[in-house]
Every structure is written in structure tokens, then in C-alpha cells.
Amino acid sequence: MPIRYARRLTGRRRTAIANRHLGFALAFVAGAINAGGFLAVQQYTSHMTGIVSAMADNIALGAYPLVLSGLGGVLSFLLGAICSTMMVSYARRRRMHSVNALPLLFEAFLLLCFGFLGATLASIEGLFVPLTVMLLCFIMGLQNALITKLSRAEIRTTHITGIVTDIGIELGKLFYWNRRKIGPKLGVMADRQRLRVLALLGMYFFLGGLAGAFGFNRLGYIATVPLALLLVALASVPALDDLRSGWRRFRRARLG
């Protein structure tokens, strides 16, 4: 990956193009984790809507252990979002180059832990659920909070419901027939560029899901290692920029 491109992709200075390209990459990763992770832990780990709905159903049915299981997933996702926000806020206050790269590097580290220690973690009970489930839910919350913050809530990558809804909205505008010729400010007009971005986000999520499902089915937990390496490739350049800046400050302090 070219250094300048990687720096623009996850660096401190943001552009709409960089946000979109990063969103595509993270949608692929999220799709792979969500679909492949289902084969590993027998549940989807980014689908908080389904988990909360299942909790309500299980309360009505009196299946309270399953309610606690859902609660463990929701709290893990929430903790991931909190952690991501705190990391971004910390780096932003210190004007670090890796303000958006730090959560991705942490996500890569957690995916490596899942890949190499997944079989062991699956046998350890965490907060009402195995540690593997907690880990994947935490990762999804971490990633979703990051892309939501840096794109100002325009891009989400860990779930497809909002993407499909927005595609439907834009298609509704596209197919709407303005009977009279009126200006673009008054007529119903589709945002074709946004429609393309949404369609690509959905496509990358689906392709990631295919890659993750086939990978987990054939390789098991270790299938997350390539995803971790992809995240490292995306995030390493701004992190190295911070290390170089820190080393220069350290040398100046010693010489001065």
C-alpha cells in the first residue's frame, strides 16, 4: 500500500474520499468478522438490534440465562464503543497523527488474540457469555464508533440495516417522477454519489462476509489473522509518524 495513500486513509486530516475508502475497507472487515464469527461462536456479534429483541423475547419466555447472554453481548459492544471514543479523544487532545489509527491497531491486536487463542478463550466464561463472544462484540463496537466519529455519522460499517434503508431512500428519490420541470432545489432529486457509496459499502460487507465464512469454515480461528494484517497496513503509517515525532522531541530534549 502506498505510504501517502495509507497516511490519508487513517491520518489526522480527513477528506470525504478518505472516509469512503476507509469505510469500504472496514465494511469488508466487519462483514468477515460478523459472518465468519457466527461459525465460530454461533451468533452474530454486530447485530445489537437482534440481540436486544431476543432479550425481550427471552424475558417473556422466562429464559433468563439467555437474557443475561444477550446482555453480555450488548455491554461488550458498548464497552468497545466507549474504548474507541476515549482513544480518539486522547490522541486528538495531543494532536497525534494516529488519532484514527490507534483503535484500528487495537482492533488488529484483538483479532490476533482471537485468531491464536480462540479455542482457549471459547472455554472461558466472561460476562454471561464466553470470552470469544465478548471479544467479537467489543471489536464491532470499537470499529463502529471509530468510523461513525470520523465520518460524522455518515458511514457505518458493522451492520447493514442502515445502509439498505439509505439505499431505499435514494432509490425512492431516483424513481420519483417530478411532473413539472422545476429547479433542483424544489424537485425530488437523488444523491447519485451517495447511492454509489452506499451500494459499495453493502457490496464490501457482503464480500467480506463471504471471505470470512469460507475462511472460518476452512481455517477456523486463524482466519482472522489476514484481517488483522489488513488493519495494520491501514493504520501503521500514522502510528510510525507519531513514533518519529516522539523520537525527534526526545533527541531535542537530550541535546538541549
Protein backbone atom coordinates (compact mmCIF):
# COMPACT_ATOMS: atom_id res chain seq x y z
CA MET A 1 0.00 0.00 0.00
CA PRO A 2 1.49 3.43 -0.96
CA ILE A 3 2.62 5.40 2.09
CA ARG A 4 0.86 8.62 1.10
CA TYR A 5 -2.40 6.78 0.49
CA ALA A 6 -2.18 4.99 3.85
CA ARG A 7 -1.45 8.30 5.58
CA ARG A 8 -4.51 9.94 4.01
CA LEU A 9 -6.66 6.91 4.79
CA THR A 10 -6.20 6.87 8.57
CA GLY A 11 -4.33 10.10 9.29
CA ARG A 12 -5.49 13.08 11.30
CA ARG A 13 -6.53 15.18 8.31
CA ARG A 14 -9.77 13.85 6.86
CA THR A 15 -11.34 14.10 3.42
CA ALA A 16 -14.60 12.69 2.12
CA ILE A 17 -12.73 10.37 -0.25
CA ALA A 18 -10.51 9.04 2.55
CA ASN A 19 -13.57 8.43 4.73
CA ARG A 20 -15.27 6.50 1.95
CA HIS A 21 -12.22 4.37 1.12
CA LEU A 22 -11.63 3.59 4.79
CA GLY A 23 -15.32 2.77 5.13
CA PHE A 24 -15.11 0.26 2.27
CA ALA A 25 -12.12 -1.50 3.87
CA LEU A 26 -13.75 -1.59 7.30
CA ALA A 27 -17.07 -2.81 5.85
CA PHE A 28 -15.16 -5.75 4.36
CA VAL A 29 -13.52 -6.46 7.73
CA ALA A 30 -16.84 -6.16 9.59
CA GLY A 31 -18.59 -8.47 7.14
CA ALA A 32 -15.83 -11.05 7.54
CA ILE A 33 -15.91 -10.86 11.34
CA ASN A 34 -19.70 -10.96 11.54
CA ALA A 35 -20.29 -13.83 9.10
CA GLY A 36 -17.17 -15.81 9.92
CA GLY A 37 -17.55 -15.17 13.62
CA PHE A 38 -21.02 -16.72 13.51
CA LEU A 39 -19.42 -20.01 12.52
CA ALA A 40 -17.02 -19.68 15.44
CA VAL A 41 -19.36 -18.53 18.24
CA GLN A 42 -22.82 -19.37 16.81
CA GLN A 43 -24.14 -15.84 16.97
CA TYR A 44 -23.81 -12.57 15.10
CA THR A 45 -21.80 -10.08 17.10
CA SER A 46 -22.64 -6.73 15.49
CA HIS A 47 -26.43 -7.17 15.37
CA MET A 48 -27.41 -5.33 18.54
CA THR A 49 -30.99 -4.90 17.28
CA GLY A 50 -31.47 -8.65 17.08
CA ILE A 51 -29.74 -9.26 20.40
CA VAL A 52 -31.90 -6.73 22.26
CA SER A 53 -35.07 -8.09 20.59
CA ALA A 54 -34.05 -11.62 21.59
CA MET A 55 -33.55 -10.41 25.17
CA ALA A 56 -37.15 -9.12 25.23
CA ASP A 57 -38.43 -12.42 23.78
CA ASN A 58 -36.48 -14.45 26.33
CA ILE A 59 -37.80 -12.36 29.22
CA ALA A 60 -41.34 -13.10 28.01
CA LEU A 61 -40.49 -16.81 27.70
CA GLY A 62 -38.77 -16.93 31.07
CA ALA A 63 -35.41 -17.94 29.53
CA TYR A 64 -33.40 -15.72 31.85
CA PRO A 65 -29.95 -17.29 31.18
CA LEU A 66 -30.38 -16.28 27.51
CA VAL A 67 -31.32 -12.77 28.62
CA LEU A 68 -28.03 -12.50 30.50
CA SER A 69 -26.21 -13.86 27.46
CA GLY A 70 -27.64 -11.07 25.32
CA LEU A 71 -26.79 -8.52 27.99
CA GLY A 72 -23.17 -9.67 27.93
CA GLY A 73 -23.01 -9.07 24.17
CA VAL A 74 -24.61 -5.62 24.37
CA LEU A 75 -22.33 -4.50 27.21
CA SER A 76 -19.26 -5.75 25.32
CA PHE A 77 -20.29 -3.79 22.21
CA LEU A 78 -20.91 -0.73 24.38
CA LEU A 79 -17.51 -1.04 26.05
CA GLY A 80 -15.87 -1.25 22.62
CA ALA A 81 -17.53 1.99 21.53
CA ILE A 82 -16.50 3.69 24.79
CA CYS A 83 -12.91 2.50 24.40
CA SER A 84 -12.71 3.73 20.80
CA THR A 85 -14.08 7.16 21.74
CA MET A 86 -11.62 7.52 24.63
CA MET A 87 -8.66 6.53 22.43
CA VAL A 88 -9.66 9.01 19.72
CA SER A 89 -10.24 11.78 22.27
CA TYR A 90 -6.86 11.12 23.92
CA ALA A 91 -5.00 11.24 20.62
CA ARG A 92 -6.91 14.29 19.39
CA ARG A 93 -6.11 16.30 22.53
CA ARG A 94 -2.41 15.58 21.93
CA ARG A 95 -2.68 16.26 18.20
CA MET A 96 -1.31 12.84 17.33
CA HIS A 97 -1.12 11.67 13.72
CA SER A 98 -2.60 8.31 14.73
CA VAL A 99 -5.83 9.71 16.13
CA ASN A 100 -7.83 7.33 13.92
CA ALA A 101 -5.17 4.64 13.64
CA LEU A 102 -4.94 3.70 17.32
CA PRO A 103 -8.37 1.99 17.54
CA LEU A 104 -7.59 0.07 14.33
CA LEU A 105 -4.26 -1.14 15.71
CA PHE A 106 -6.02 -2.19 18.91
CA GLU A 107 -8.64 -3.98 16.82
CA ALA A 108 -5.86 -5.77 14.91
CA PHE A 109 -4.30 -6.86 18.21
CA LEU A 110 -7.62 -8.23 19.45
CA LEU A 111 -8.18 -10.10 16.18
CA LEU A 112 -4.74 -11.69 16.54
CA CYS A 113 -5.68 -12.73 20.09
CA PHE A 114 -8.89 -14.24 18.74
CA GLY A 115 -7.02 -16.00 15.94
CA PHE A 116 -4.31 -17.57 18.06
CA LEU A 117 -6.17 -18.02 21.37
CA GLY A 118 -9.76 -18.50 20.19
CA ALA A 119 -10.03 -22.15 21.16
CA THR A 120 -8.82 -21.36 24.68
CA LEU A 121 -10.99 -18.24 25.05
CA ALA A 122 -14.09 -20.16 23.97
CA SER A 123 -13.83 -22.31 27.09
CA ILE A 124 -13.55 -19.33 29.46
CA GLU A 125 -16.80 -17.76 30.67
CA GLY A 126 -16.79 -13.97 30.61
CA LEU A 127 -19.66 -11.60 31.38
CA PHE A 128 -22.53 -14.13 30.95
CA VAL A 129 -21.01 -15.27 27.62
CA PRO A 130 -17.71 -16.90 26.52
CA LEU A 131 -14.78 -14.54 26.08
CA THR A 132 -14.83 -15.15 22.33
CA VAL A 133 -18.31 -13.61 22.08
CA MET A 134 -17.31 -10.69 24.28
CA LEU A 135 -14.20 -10.11 22.19
CA LEU A 136 -16.02 -10.02 18.85
CA CYS A 137 -18.80 -7.77 20.19
CA PHE A 138 -16.17 -5.45 21.69
CA ILE A 139 -14.35 -5.31 18.33
CA MET A 140 -17.55 -4.43 16.49
CA GLY A 141 -18.35 -1.63 18.94
CA LEU A 142 -14.77 -0.35 18.69
CA GLN A 143 -14.85 -0.20 14.89
CA ASN A 144 -18.36 1.20 14.57
CA ALA A 145 -17.66 4.06 16.96
CA LEU A 146 -14.47 4.98 15.09
CA ILE A 147 -15.96 5.20 11.60
CA THR A 148 -19.07 6.94 12.98
CA LYS A 149 -16.95 9.64 14.66
CA LEU A 150 -14.53 10.33 11.83
CA SER A 151 -17.27 10.42 9.16
CA ARG A 152 -19.66 12.40 11.40
CA ALA A 153 -22.19 9.56 11.34
CA GLU A 154 -22.34 9.44 7.52
CA ILE A 155 -20.72 5.99 7.26
CA ARG A 156 -21.33 2.86 9.30
CA THR A 157 -19.69 -0.43 8.59
CA THR A 158 -20.63 -3.10 11.12
CA HIS A 159 -24.31 -3.51 10.26
CA ILE A 160 -26.23 -3.38 7.00
CA THR A 161 -29.73 -2.25 8.11
CA GLY A 162 -28.99 1.47 7.94
CA ILE A 163 -27.15 1.06 4.63
CA VAL A 164 -30.06 -0.76 3.00
CA THR A 165 -32.52 1.82 4.40
CA ASP A 166 -30.47 4.70 2.96
CA ILE A 167 -30.22 2.91 -0.40
CA GLY A 168 -34.01 2.60 -0.40
CA ILE A 169 -34.37 6.32 0.34
CA GLU A 170 -32.08 7.33 -2.50
CA LEU A 171 -33.75 4.89 -4.92
CA GLY A 172 -37.14 6.31 -3.93
CA LYS A 173 -35.85 9.77 -4.86
CA LEU A 174 -34.32 8.44 -8.07
CA PHE A 175 -37.55 6.79 -9.25
CA TYR A 176 -39.78 9.69 -8.19
CA TRP A 177 -41.34 11.47 -11.16
CA ASN A 178 -41.29 15.24 -10.94
CA ARG A 179 -44.25 16.07 -13.17
CA ARG A 180 -43.23 19.64 -13.84
CA LYS A 181 -39.81 20.95 -14.77
CA ILE A 182 -38.65 22.70 -11.65
CA GLY A 183 -35.24 23.56 -10.27
CA PRO A 184 -33.14 21.03 -8.38
CA LYS A 185 -33.78 22.84 -5.10
CA LEU A 186 -37.53 22.24 -5.38
CA GLY A 187 -37.65 18.88 -7.14
CA VAL A 188 -37.08 15.47 -5.59
CA MET A 189 -33.51 14.57 -6.62
CA ALA A 190 -31.45 11.51 -5.72
CA ASP A 191 -27.89 11.90 -4.49
CA ARG A 192 -26.28 9.55 -7.00
CA GLN A 193 -22.84 9.76 -5.45
CA ARG A 194 -24.21 8.82 -2.03
CA LEU A 195 -26.15 5.98 -3.66
CA ARG A 196 -22.93 4.61 -5.19
CA VAL A 197 -21.12 4.84 -1.85
CA LEU A 198 -23.94 3.04 -0.04
CA ALA A 199 -24.07 0.33 -2.70
CA LEU A 200 -20.30 -0.18 -2.43
CA LEU A 201 -20.47 -0.36 1.37
CA GLY A 202 -23.11 -3.06 1.10
CA MET A 203 -21.12 -4.92 -1.53
CA TYR A 204 -17.90 -4.84 0.50
CA PHE A 205 -19.75 -6.04 3.60
CA PHE A 206 -21.17 -8.95 1.60
CA LEU A 207 -17.79 -9.81 0.05
CA GLY A 208 -16.20 -9.67 3.50
CA GLY A 209 -18.92 -11.97 4.76
CA LEU A 210 -18.13 -14.48 2.02
CA ALA A 211 -14.41 -14.30 2.75
CA GLY A 212 -14.97 -14.64 6.49
CA ALA A 213 -17.41 -17.53 6.19
CA PHE A 214 -15.20 -19.52 3.82
CA GLY A 215 -12.12 -18.67 5.90
CA PHE A 216 -13.61 -19.73 9.23
CA ASN A 217 -15.13 -22.82 7.66
CA ARG A 218 -11.77 -23.98 6.33
CA LEU A 219 -9.20 -22.47 8.70
CA GLY A 220 -11.03 -21.86 11.97
CA TYR A 221 -9.98 -19.08 14.32
CA ILE A 222 -6.75 -18.39 12.46
CA ALA A 223 -8.81 -16.89 9.61
CA THR A 224 -8.84 -13.56 11.49
CA VAL A 225 -5.06 -13.13 11.08
CA PRO A 226 -5.27 -11.75 7.48
CA LEU A 227 -7.93 -9.29 8.68
CA ALA A 228 -5.60 -8.14 11.45
CA LEU A 229 -2.76 -7.67 8.96
CA LEU A 230 -5.04 -5.60 6.72
CA LEU A 231 -5.86 -3.31 9.66
CA VAL A 232 -2.17 -2.97 10.49
CA ALA A 233 -1.45 -1.99 6.88
CA LEU A 234 -4.20 0.65 7.06
CA ALA A 235 -3.09 2.13 10.38
CA SER A 236 0.69 1.71 10.60
CA VAL A 237 1.83 4.84 8.72
CA PRO A 238 0.24 7.46 11.07
CA ALA A 239 1.48 5.43 14.05
CA LEU A 240 5.02 5.46 12.66
CA ASP A 241 4.68 9.23 12.09
CA ASP A 242 3.95 9.62 15.80
CA LEU A 243 6.94 7.49 16.73
CA ARG A 244 9.22 9.61 14.53
CA SER A 245 7.84 12.82 16.03
CA GLY A 246 8.31 11.47 19.55
CA TRP A 247 11.89 10.42 18.77
CA ARG A 248 12.72 13.91 17.41
CA ARG A 249 11.31 15.55 20.54
CA PHE A 250 13.30 13.16 22.71
CA ARG A 251 16.55 13.92 20.87
CA ARG A 252 15.95 17.68 21.04
CA ALA A 253 15.30 17.42 24.78
CA ARG A 254 18.53 15.48 25.29
CA LEU A 255 20.63 17.85 23.18
CA GLY A 256 19.03 20.94 24.67
